[in-house]
Amino acid sequence: MSKICQITGKKAMVGNNVSHSKRRTKRVFDVNLFNKKFYYVEQDCWISLKICAAGLRVINKKGLDAALNDAVAKGYCDWKTIKVIA
């Protein structure tokens, strides 16, 4: 999997390193991603998601089911890409 949040769709941005003499070189601003396990009550199973810190806040605010349904509707993840832990 690539470095994309499965809930918010955030991915790496490109910018510049600016030195003291104002020379600019390209750099990548990566997303704060981590793997997190959740208990999905509606399906009665554990799932593993690759999410960012903002995605974790969305899950805490809306709930796991609503956040997953919104992410699938917006195209950030697919039900086939969500890893089910047996």
PDB file of N, CA and C in Angstrom:
ATOM      1  N   MET A   1       0.834  -1.187   0.000  1.00  0.00           N
ATOM      2  CA  MET A   1       0.000   0.000   0.000  1.00  0.00           C
ATOM      3  C   MET A   1       0.875   1.245   0.000  1.00  0.00           C
ATOM      4  N   SER A   2       0.349   2.291  -0.593  1.00  0.00           N
ATOM      5  CA  SER A   2       1.091   3.531  -0.650  1.00  0.00           C
ATOM      6  C   SER A   2       0.850   4.356   0.607  1.00  0.00           C
ATOM      7  N   LYS A   3       1.494   5.485   0.665  1.00  0.00           N
ATOM      8  CA  LYS A   3       1.400   6.347   1.840  1.00  0.00           C
ATOM      9  C   LYS A   3       0.203   7.281   1.729  1.00  0.00           C
ATOM     10  N   ILE A   4      -1.009   6.692   1.781  1.00  0.00           N
ATOM     11  CA  ILE A   4      -2.251   7.454   1.703  1.00  0.00           C
ATOM     12  C   ILE A   4      -3.155   7.017   2.855  1.00  0.00           C
ATOM     13  N   CYS A   5      -3.758   7.983   3.532  1.00  0.00           N
ATOM     14  CA  CYS A   5      -4.689   7.684   4.618  1.00  0.00           C
ATOM     15  C   CYS A   5      -5.964   7.086   4.036  1.00  0.00           C
ATOM     16  N   GLN A   6      -6.451   6.000   4.640  1.00  0.00           N
ATOM     17  CA  GLN A   6      -7.639   5.334   4.142  1.00  0.00           C
ATOM     18  C   GLN A   6      -8.928   6.030   4.574  1.00  0.00           C
ATOM     19  N   ILE A   7      -8.871   6.959   5.492  1.00  0.00           N
ATOM     20  CA  ILE A   7     -10.071   7.663   5.958  1.00  0.00           C
ATOM     21  C   ILE A   7     -10.175   9.060   5.350  1.00  0.00           C
ATOM     22  N   THR A   8      -9.096   9.829   5.367  1.00  0.00           N
ATOM     23  CA  THR A   8      -9.163  11.205   4.886  1.00  0.00           C
ATOM     24  C   THR A   8      -8.622  11.377   3.477  1.00  0.00           C
ATOM     25  N   GLY A   9      -7.876  10.410   2.971  1.00  0.00           N
ATOM     26  CA  GLY A   9      -7.310  10.520   1.633  1.00  0.00           C
ATOM     27  C   GLY A   9      -6.072  11.396   1.560  1.00  0.00           C
ATOM     28  N   LYS A  10      -5.524  11.769   2.707  1.00  0.00           N
ATOM     29  CA  LYS A  10      -4.326  12.602   2.709  1.00  0.00           C
ATOM     30  C   LYS A  10      -3.147  11.822   2.147  1.00  0.00           C
ATOM     31  N   LYS A  11      -2.293  12.519   1.380  1.00  0.00           N
ATOM     32  CA  LYS A  11      -1.087  11.905   0.851  1.00  0.00           C
ATOM     33  C   LYS A  11       0.039  12.915   0.891  1.00  0.00           C
ATOM     34  N   ALA A  12       1.232  12.482   0.515  1.00  0.00           N
ATOM     35  CA  ALA A  12       2.415  13.315   0.626  1.00  0.00           C
ATOM     36  C   ALA A  12       2.314  14.542  -0.271  1.00  0.00           C
ATOM     37  N   MET A  13       2.844  15.669   0.222  1.00  0.00           N
ATOM     38  CA  MET A  13       2.903  16.901  -0.550  1.00  0.00           C
ATOM     39  C   MET A  13       4.352  17.178  -0.921  1.00  0.00           C
ATOM     40  N   VAL A  14       4.559  17.949  -1.981  1.00  0.00           N
ATOM     41  CA  VAL A  14       5.900  18.307  -2.422  1.00  0.00           C
ATOM     42  C   VAL A  14       6.109  19.781  -2.148  1.00  0.00           C
ATOM     43  N   GLY A  15       7.299  20.109  -1.636  1.00  0.00           N
ATOM     44  CA  GLY A  15       7.625  21.498  -1.343  1.00  0.00           C
ATOM     45  C   GLY A  15       9.112  21.732  -1.502  1.00  0.00           C
ATOM     46  N   ASN A  16       9.601  22.773  -0.886  1.00  0.00           N
ATOM     47  CA  ASN A  16      11.002  23.143  -1.007  1.00  0.00           C
ATOM     48  C   ASN A  16      11.677  23.180   0.352  1.00  0.00           C
ATOM     49  N   ASN A  17      12.926  22.720   0.393  1.00  0.00           N
ATOM     50  CA  ASN A  17      13.822  23.034   1.488  1.00  0.00           C
ATOM     51  C   ASN A  17      14.432  24.386   1.154  1.00  0.00           C
ATOM     52  N   VAL A  18      14.390  25.328   2.068  1.00  0.00           N
ATOM     53  CA  VAL A  18      14.950  26.653   1.821  1.00  0.00           C
ATOM     54  C   VAL A  18      16.111  26.853   2.774  1.00  0.00           C
ATOM     55  N   SER A  19      17.301  27.025   2.215  1.00  0.00           N
ATOM     56  CA  SER A  19      18.488  27.197   3.037  1.00  0.00           C
ATOM     57  C   SER A  19      18.610  28.656   3.491  1.00  0.00           C
ATOM     58  N   HIS A  20      19.629  28.921   4.268  1.00  0.00           N
ATOM     59  CA  HIS A  20      19.851  30.275   4.764  1.00  0.00           C
ATOM     60  C   HIS A  20      20.115  31.248   3.618  1.00  0.00           C
ATOM     61  N   SER A  21      20.750  30.749   2.554  1.00  0.00           N
ATOM     62  CA  SER A  21      21.035  31.602   1.393  1.00  0.00           C
ATOM     63  C   SER A  21      19.878  31.601   0.390  1.00  0.00           C
ATOM     64  N   LYS A  22      18.731  31.080   0.804  1.00  0.00           N
ATOM     65  CA  LYS A  22      17.496  31.037   0.027  1.00  0.00           C
ATOM     66  C   LYS A  22      17.564  30.120  -1.191  1.00  0.00           C
ATOM     67  N   ARG A  23      18.494  29.165  -1.223  1.00  0.00           N
ATOM     68  CA  ARG A  23      18.503  28.168  -2.296  1.00  0.00           C
ATOM     69  C   ARG A  23      17.388  27.172  -2.014  1.00  0.00           C
ATOM     70  N   ARG A  24      16.700  26.756  -3.053  1.00  0.00           N
ATOM     71  CA  ARG A  24      15.554  25.860  -2.878  1.00  0.00           C
ATOM     72  C   ARG A  24      15.828  24.516  -3.521  1.00  0.00           C
ATOM     73  N   THR A  25      15.608  23.463  -2.747  1.00  0.00           N
ATOM     74  CA  THR A  25      15.692  22.095  -3.258  1.00  0.00           C
ATOM     75  C   THR A  25      14.398  21.390  -2.905  1.00  0.00           C
ATOM     76  N   LYS A  26      13.987  20.474  -3.772  1.00  0.00           N
ATOM     77  CA  LYS A  26      12.710  19.784  -3.580  1.00  0.00           C
ATOM     78  C   LYS A  26      12.766  18.833  -2.387  1.00  0.00           C
ATOM     79  N   ARG A  27      11.649  18.698  -1.713  1.00  0.00           N
ATOM     80  CA  ARG A  27      11.513  17.760  -0.610  1.00  0.00           C
ATOM     81  C   ARG A  27      10.074  17.277  -0.560  1.00  0.00           C
ATOM     82  N   VAL A  28       9.828  16.245   0.256  1.00  0.00           N
ATOM     83  CA  VAL A  28       8.503  15.656   0.376  1.00  0.00           C
ATOM     84  C   VAL A  28       8.037  15.801   1.818  1.00  0.00           C
ATOM     85  N   PHE A  29       6.806  16.287   1.985  1.00  0.00           N
ATOM     86  CA  PHE A  29       6.176  16.360   3.293  1.00  0.00           C
ATOM     87  C   PHE A  29       5.288  15.125   3.429  1.00  0.00           C
ATOM     88  N   ASP A  30       5.741  14.128   4.181  1.00  0.00           N
ATOM     89  CA  ASP A  30       4.983  12.891   4.345  1.00  0.00           C
ATOM     90  C   ASP A  30       3.854  13.073   5.350  1.00  0.00           C
ATOM     91  N   VAL A  31       2.883  12.181   5.265  1.00  0.00           N
ATOM     92  CA  VAL A  31       1.731  12.195   6.157  1.00  0.00           C
ATOM     93  C   VAL A  31       2.069  11.407   7.408  1.00  0.00           C
ATOM     94  N   ASN A  32       1.471  11.782   8.522  1.00  0.00           N
ATOM     95  CA  ASN A  32       1.687  11.092   9.792  1.00  0.00           C
ATOM     96  C   ASN A  32       0.845   9.814   9.814  1.00  0.00           C
ATOM     97  N   LEU A  33       1.314   8.766   9.123  1.00  0.00           N
ATOM     98  CA  LEU A  33       0.562   7.522   8.988  1.00  0.00           C
ATOM     99  C   LEU A  33       1.005   6.491  10.008  1.00  0.00           C
ATOM    100  N   PHE A  34       0.049   5.675  10.444  1.00  0.00           N
ATOM    101  CA  PHE A  34       0.333   4.525  11.282  1.00  0.00           C
ATOM    102  C   PHE A  34      -0.747   3.487  11.087  1.00  0.00           C
ATOM    103  N   ASN A  35      -0.421   2.245  11.389  1.00  0.00           N
ATOM    104  CA  ASN A  35      -1.390   1.155  11.298  1.00  0.00           C
ATOM    105  C   ASN A  35      -2.113   1.035  12.625  1.00  0.00           C
ATOM    106  N   LYS A  36      -3.436   0.942  12.558  1.00  0.00           N
ATOM    107  CA  LYS A  36      -4.253   0.900  13.771  1.00  0.00           C
ATOM    108  C   LYS A  36      -5.321  -0.170  13.600  1.00  0.00           C
ATOM    109  N   LYS A  37      -5.540  -0.945  14.658  1.00  0.00           N
ATOM    110  CA  LYS A  37      -6.595  -1.955  14.645  1.00  0.00           C
ATOM    111  C   LYS A  37      -7.845  -1.399  15.312  1.00  0.00           C
ATOM    112  N   PHE A  38      -9.003  -1.703  14.718  1.00  0.00           N
ATOM    113  CA  PHE A  38     -10.290  -1.284  15.250  1.00  0.00           C
ATOM    114  C   PHE A  38     -11.210  -2.486  15.306  1.00  0.00           C
ATOM    115  N   TYR A  39     -12.116  -2.483  16.276  1.00  0.00           N
ATOM    116  CA  TYR A  39     -13.149  -3.508  16.331  1.00  0.00           C
ATOM    117  C   TYR A  39     -14.368  -2.961  15.608  1.00  0.00           C
ATOM    118  N   TYR A  40     -14.740  -3.600  14.506  1.00  0.00           N
ATOM    119  CA  TYR A  40     -15.864  -3.173  13.672  1.00  0.00           C
ATOM    120  C   TYR A  40     -17.102  -3.914  14.142  1.00  0.00           C
ATOM    121  N   VAL A  41     -17.948  -3.232  14.921  1.00  0.00           N
ATOM    122  CA  VAL A  41     -19.087  -3.854  15.602  1.00  0.00           C
ATOM    123  C   VAL A  41     -20.109  -4.371  14.593  1.00  0.00           C
ATOM    124  N   GLU A  42     -20.345  -3.612  13.518  1.00  0.00           N
ATOM    125  CA  GLU A  42     -21.377  -4.001  12.549  1.00  0.00           C
ATOM    126  C   GLU A  42     -21.064  -5.330  11.871  1.00  0.00           C
ATOM    127  N   GLN A  43     -19.782  -5.620  11.632  1.00  0.00           N
ATOM    128  CA  GLN A  43     -19.380  -6.871  10.998  1.00  0.00           C
ATOM    129  C   GLN A  43     -18.860  -7.896  12.010  1.00  0.00           C
ATOM    130  N   ASP A  44     -18.752  -7.507  13.276  1.00  0.00           N
ATOM    131  CA  ASP A  44     -18.265  -8.367  14.360  1.00  0.00           C
ATOM    132  C   ASP A  44     -16.882  -8.938  14.047  1.00  0.00           C
ATOM    133  N   CYS A  45     -15.941  -8.039  13.690  1.00  0.00           N
ATOM    134  CA  CYS A  45     -14.582  -8.471  13.380  1.00  0.00           C
ATOM    135  C   CYS A  45     -13.613  -7.319  13.670  1.00  0.00           C
ATOM    136  N   TRP A  46     -12.339  -7.645  13.676  1.00  0.00           N
ATOM    137  CA  TRP A  46     -11.276  -6.662  13.823  1.00  0.00           C
ATOM    138  C   TRP A  46     -10.786  -6.289  12.434  1.00  0.00           C
ATOM    139  N   ILE A  47     -10.529  -4.997  12.215  1.00  0.00           N
ATOM    140  CA  ILE A  47      -9.973  -4.555  10.946  1.00  0.00           C
ATOM    141  C   ILE A  47      -8.727  -3.729  11.223  1.00  0.00           C
ATOM    142  N   SER A  48      -7.841  -3.683  10.248  1.00  0.00           N
ATOM    143  CA  SER A  48      -6.615  -2.911  10.341  1.00  0.00           C
ATOM    144  C   SER A  48      -6.650  -1.828   9.274  1.00  0.00           C
ATOM    145  N   LEU A  49      -6.413  -0.582   9.675  1.00  0.00           N
ATOM    146  CA  LEU A  49      -6.436   0.545   8.752  1.00  0.00           C
ATOM    147  C   LEU A  49      -5.111   1.284   8.814  1.00  0.00           C
ATOM    148  N   LYS A  50      -4.698   1.831   7.688  1.00  0.00           N
ATOM    149  CA  LYS A  50      -3.539   2.715   7.635  1.00  0.00           C
ATOM    150  C   LYS A  50      -4.092   4.139   7.621  1.00  0.00           C
ATOM    151  N   ILE A  51      -4.008   4.817   8.766  1.00  0.00           N
ATOM    152  CA  ILE A  51      -4.645   6.127   8.907  1.00  0.00           C
ATOM    153  C   ILE A  51      -3.653   7.152   9.438  1.00  0.00           C
ATOM    154  N   CYS A  52      -4.010   8.419   9.278  1.00  0.00           N
ATOM    155  CA  CYS A  52      -3.218   9.511   9.825  1.00  0.00           C
ATOM    156  C   CYS A  52      -3.862   9.983  11.127  1.00  0.00           C
ATOM    157  N   ALA A  53      -3.231  10.921  11.782  1.00  0.00           N
ATOM    158  CA  ALA A  53      -3.744  11.423  13.058  1.00  0.00           C
ATOM    159  C   ALA A  53      -5.088  12.114  12.869  1.00  0.00           C
ATOM    160  N   ALA A  54      -5.259  12.830  11.764  1.00  0.00           N
ATOM    161  CA  ALA A  54      -6.538  13.489  11.496  1.00  0.00           C
ATOM    162  C   ALA A  54      -7.627  12.454  11.229  1.00  0.00           C
ATOM    163  N   GLY A  55      -7.265  11.342  10.601  1.00  0.00           N
ATOM    164  CA  GLY A  55      -8.230  10.275  10.365  1.00  0.00           C
ATOM    165  C   GLY A  55      -8.698   9.635  11.654  1.00  0.00           C
ATOM    166  N   LEU A  56      -7.800   9.519  12.617  1.00  0.00           N
ATOM    167  CA  LEU A  56      -8.170   8.986  13.929  1.00  0.00           C
ATOM    168  C   LEU A  56      -9.150   9.920  14.628  1.00  0.00           C
ATOM    169  N   ARG A  57      -8.966  11.224  14.478  1.00  0.00           N
ATOM    170  CA  ARG A  57      -9.892  12.192  15.059  1.00  0.00           C
ATOM    171  C   ARG A  57     -11.259  12.113  14.394  1.00  0.00           C
ATOM    172  N   VAL A  58     -11.283  11.862  13.086  1.00  0.00           N
ATOM    173  CA  VAL A  58     -12.560  11.720  12.373  1.00  0.00           C
ATOM    174  C   VAL A  58     -13.304  10.491  12.882  1.00  0.00           C
ATOM    175  N   ILE A  59     -12.575   9.390  13.094  1.00  0.00           N
ATOM    176  CA  ILE A  59     -13.203   8.169  13.605  1.00  0.00           C
ATOM    177  C   ILE A  59     -13.743   8.389  15.012  1.00  0.00           C
ATOM    178  N   ASN A  60     -12.993   9.097  15.842  1.00  0.00           N
ATOM    179  CA  ASN A  60     -13.471   9.388  17.196  1.00  0.00           C
ATOM    180  C   ASN A  60     -14.707  10.280  17.176  1.00  0.00           C
ATOM    181  N   LYS A  61     -14.810  11.169  16.207  1.00  0.00           N
ATOM    182  CA  LYS A  61     -15.930  12.105  16.140  1.00  0.00           C
ATOM    183  C   LYS A  61     -17.179  11.458  15.548  1.00  0.00           C
ATOM    184  N   LYS A  62     -17.040  10.801  14.381  1.00  0.00           N
ATOM    185  CA  LYS A  62     -18.192  10.257  13.668  1.00  0.00           C
ATOM    186  C   LYS A  62     -18.533   8.829  14.052  1.00  0.00           C
ATOM    187  N   GLY A  63     -17.527   8.070  14.429  1.00  0.00           N
ATOM    188  CA  GLY A  63     -17.696   6.637  14.622  1.00  0.00           C
ATOM    189  C   GLY A  63     -17.074   5.903  13.447  1.00  0.00           C
ATOM    190  N   LEU A  64     -16.710   4.647  13.676  1.00  0.00           N
ATOM    191  CA  LEU A  64     -15.986   3.877  12.667  1.00  0.00           C
ATOM    192  C   LEU A  64     -16.851   3.605  11.444  1.00  0.00           C
ATOM    193  N   ASP A  65     -18.096   3.214  11.631  1.00  0.00           N
ATOM    194  CA  ASP A  65     -18.951   2.851  10.498  1.00  0.00           C
ATOM    195  C   ASP A  65     -19.217   4.052   9.597  1.00  0.00           C
ATOM    196  N   ALA A  66     -19.549   5.199  10.181  1.00  0.00           N
ATOM    197  CA  ALA A  66     -19.825   6.396   9.385  1.00  0.00           C
ATOM    198  C   ALA A  66     -18.571   6.884   8.666  1.00  0.00           C
ATOM    199  N   ALA A  67     -17.415   6.825   9.339  1.00  0.00           N
ATOM    200  CA  ALA A  67     -16.166   7.262   8.713  1.00  0.00           C
ATOM    201  C   ALA A  67     -15.785   6.358   7.547  1.00  0.00           C
ATOM    202  N   LEU A  68     -15.972   5.044   7.710  1.00  0.00           N
ATOM    203  CA  LEU A  68     -15.666   4.117   6.615  1.00  0.00           C
ATOM    204  C   LEU A  68     -16.621   4.307   5.442  1.00  0.00           C
ATOM    205  N   ASN A  69     -17.894   4.503   5.719  1.00  0.00           N
ATOM    206  CA  ASN A  69     -18.864   4.715   4.638  1.00  0.00           C
ATOM    207  C   ASN A  69     -18.560   5.995   3.867  1.00  0.00           C
ATOM    208  N   ASP A  70     -18.167   7.062   4.568  1.00  0.00           N
ATOM    209  CA  ASP A  70     -17.804   8.307   3.896  1.00  0.00           C
ATOM    210  C   ASP A  70     -16.542   8.135   3.054  1.00  0.00           C
ATOM    211  N   ALA A  71     -15.546   7.408   3.588  1.00  0.00           N
ATOM    212  CA  ALA A  71     -14.297   7.201   2.860  1.00  0.00           C
ATOM    213  C   ALA A  71     -14.520   6.372   1.597  1.00  0.00           C
ATOM    214  N   VAL A  72     -15.389   5.370   1.673  1.00  0.00           N
ATOM    215  CA  VAL A  72     -15.687   4.556   0.499  1.00  0.00           C
ATOM    216  C   VAL A  72     -16.472   5.372  -0.525  1.00  0.00           C
ATOM    217  N   ALA A  73     -17.393   6.200  -0.056  1.00  0.00           N
ATOM    218  CA  ALA A  73     -18.184   7.031  -0.969  1.00  0.00           C
ATOM    219  C   ALA A  73     -17.315   8.063  -1.687  1.00  0.00           C
ATOM    220  N   LYS A  74     -16.319   8.594  -0.997  1.00  0.00           N
ATOM    221  CA  LYS A  74     -15.425   9.585  -1.607  1.00  0.00           C
ATOM    222  C   LYS A  74     -14.298   8.940  -2.417  1.00  0.00           C
ATOM    223  N   GLY A  75     -14.143   7.624  -2.308  1.00  0.00           N
ATOM    224  CA  GLY A  75     -13.138   6.919  -3.103  1.00  0.00           C
ATOM    225  C   GLY A  75     -11.768   6.838  -2.464  1.00  0.00           C
ATOM    226  N   TYR A  76     -11.651   7.117  -1.169  1.00  0.00           N
ATOM    227  CA  TYR A  76     -10.356   7.052  -0.501  1.00  0.00           C
ATOM    228  C   TYR A  76      -9.921   5.620  -0.231  1.00  0.00           C
ATOM    229  N   CYS A  77     -10.862   4.726  -0.024  1.00  0.00           N
ATOM    230  CA  CYS A  77     -10.558   3.315   0.171  1.00  0.00           C
ATOM    231  C   CYS A  77     -11.696   2.497  -0.414  1.00  0.00           C
ATOM    232  N   ASP A  78     -11.487   1.200  -0.467  1.00  0.00           N
ATOM    233  CA  ASP A  78     -12.477   0.287  -1.005  1.00  0.00           C
ATOM    234  C   ASP A  78     -12.690  -0.799   0.036  1.00  0.00           C
ATOM    235  N   TRP A  79     -13.846  -1.429   0.028  1.00  0.00           N
ATOM    236  CA  TRP A  79     -14.105  -2.483   1.005  1.00  0.00           C
ATOM    237  C   TRP A  79     -13.138  -3.645   0.816  1.00  0.00           C
ATOM    238  N   LYS A  80     -12.617  -3.824  -0.389  1.00  0.00           N
ATOM    239  CA  LYS A  80     -11.667  -4.920  -0.639  1.00  0.00           C
ATOM    240  C   LYS A  80     -10.279  -4.610  -0.071  1.00  0.00           C
ATOM    241  N   THR A  81      -9.934  -3.333   0.069  1.00  0.00           N
ATOM    242  CA  THR A  81      -8.612  -2.980   0.564  1.00  0.00           C
ATOM    243  C   THR A  81      -8.554  -2.922   2.086  1.00  0.00           C
ATOM    244  N   ILE A  82      -9.690  -2.972   2.760  1.00  0.00           N
ATOM    245  CA  ILE A  82      -9.703  -2.965   4.225  1.00  0.00           C
ATOM    246  C   ILE A  82      -9.332  -4.357   4.720  1.00  0.00           C
ATOM    247  N   LYS A  83      -8.277  -4.395   5.507  1.00  0.00           N
ATOM    248  CA  LYS A  83      -7.730  -5.670   5.953  1.00  0.00           C
ATOM    249  C   LYS A  83      -8.499  -6.192   7.171  1.00  0.00           C
ATOM    250  N   VAL A  84      -9.091  -7.376   7.016  1.00  0.00           N
ATOM    251  CA  VAL A  84      -9.845  -8.007   8.106  1.00  0.00           C
ATOM    252  C   VAL A  84      -8.903  -8.942   8.835  1.00  0.00           C
ATOM    253  N   ILE A  85      -8.834  -8.811  10.166  1.00  0.00           N
ATOM    254  CA  ILE A  85      -7.990  -9.665  10.994  1.00  0.00           C
ATOM    255  C   ILE A  85      -8.849 -10.753  11.579  1.00  0.00           C
ATOM    256  N   ALA A  86      -8.472 -11.983  11.340  1.00  0.00           N
ATOM    257  CA  ALA A  86      -9.284 -13.123  11.804  1.00  0.00           C
ATOM    258  C   ALA A  86      -9.130 -13.378  13.274  1.00  0.00           C
TER     259      ALA A  86
END
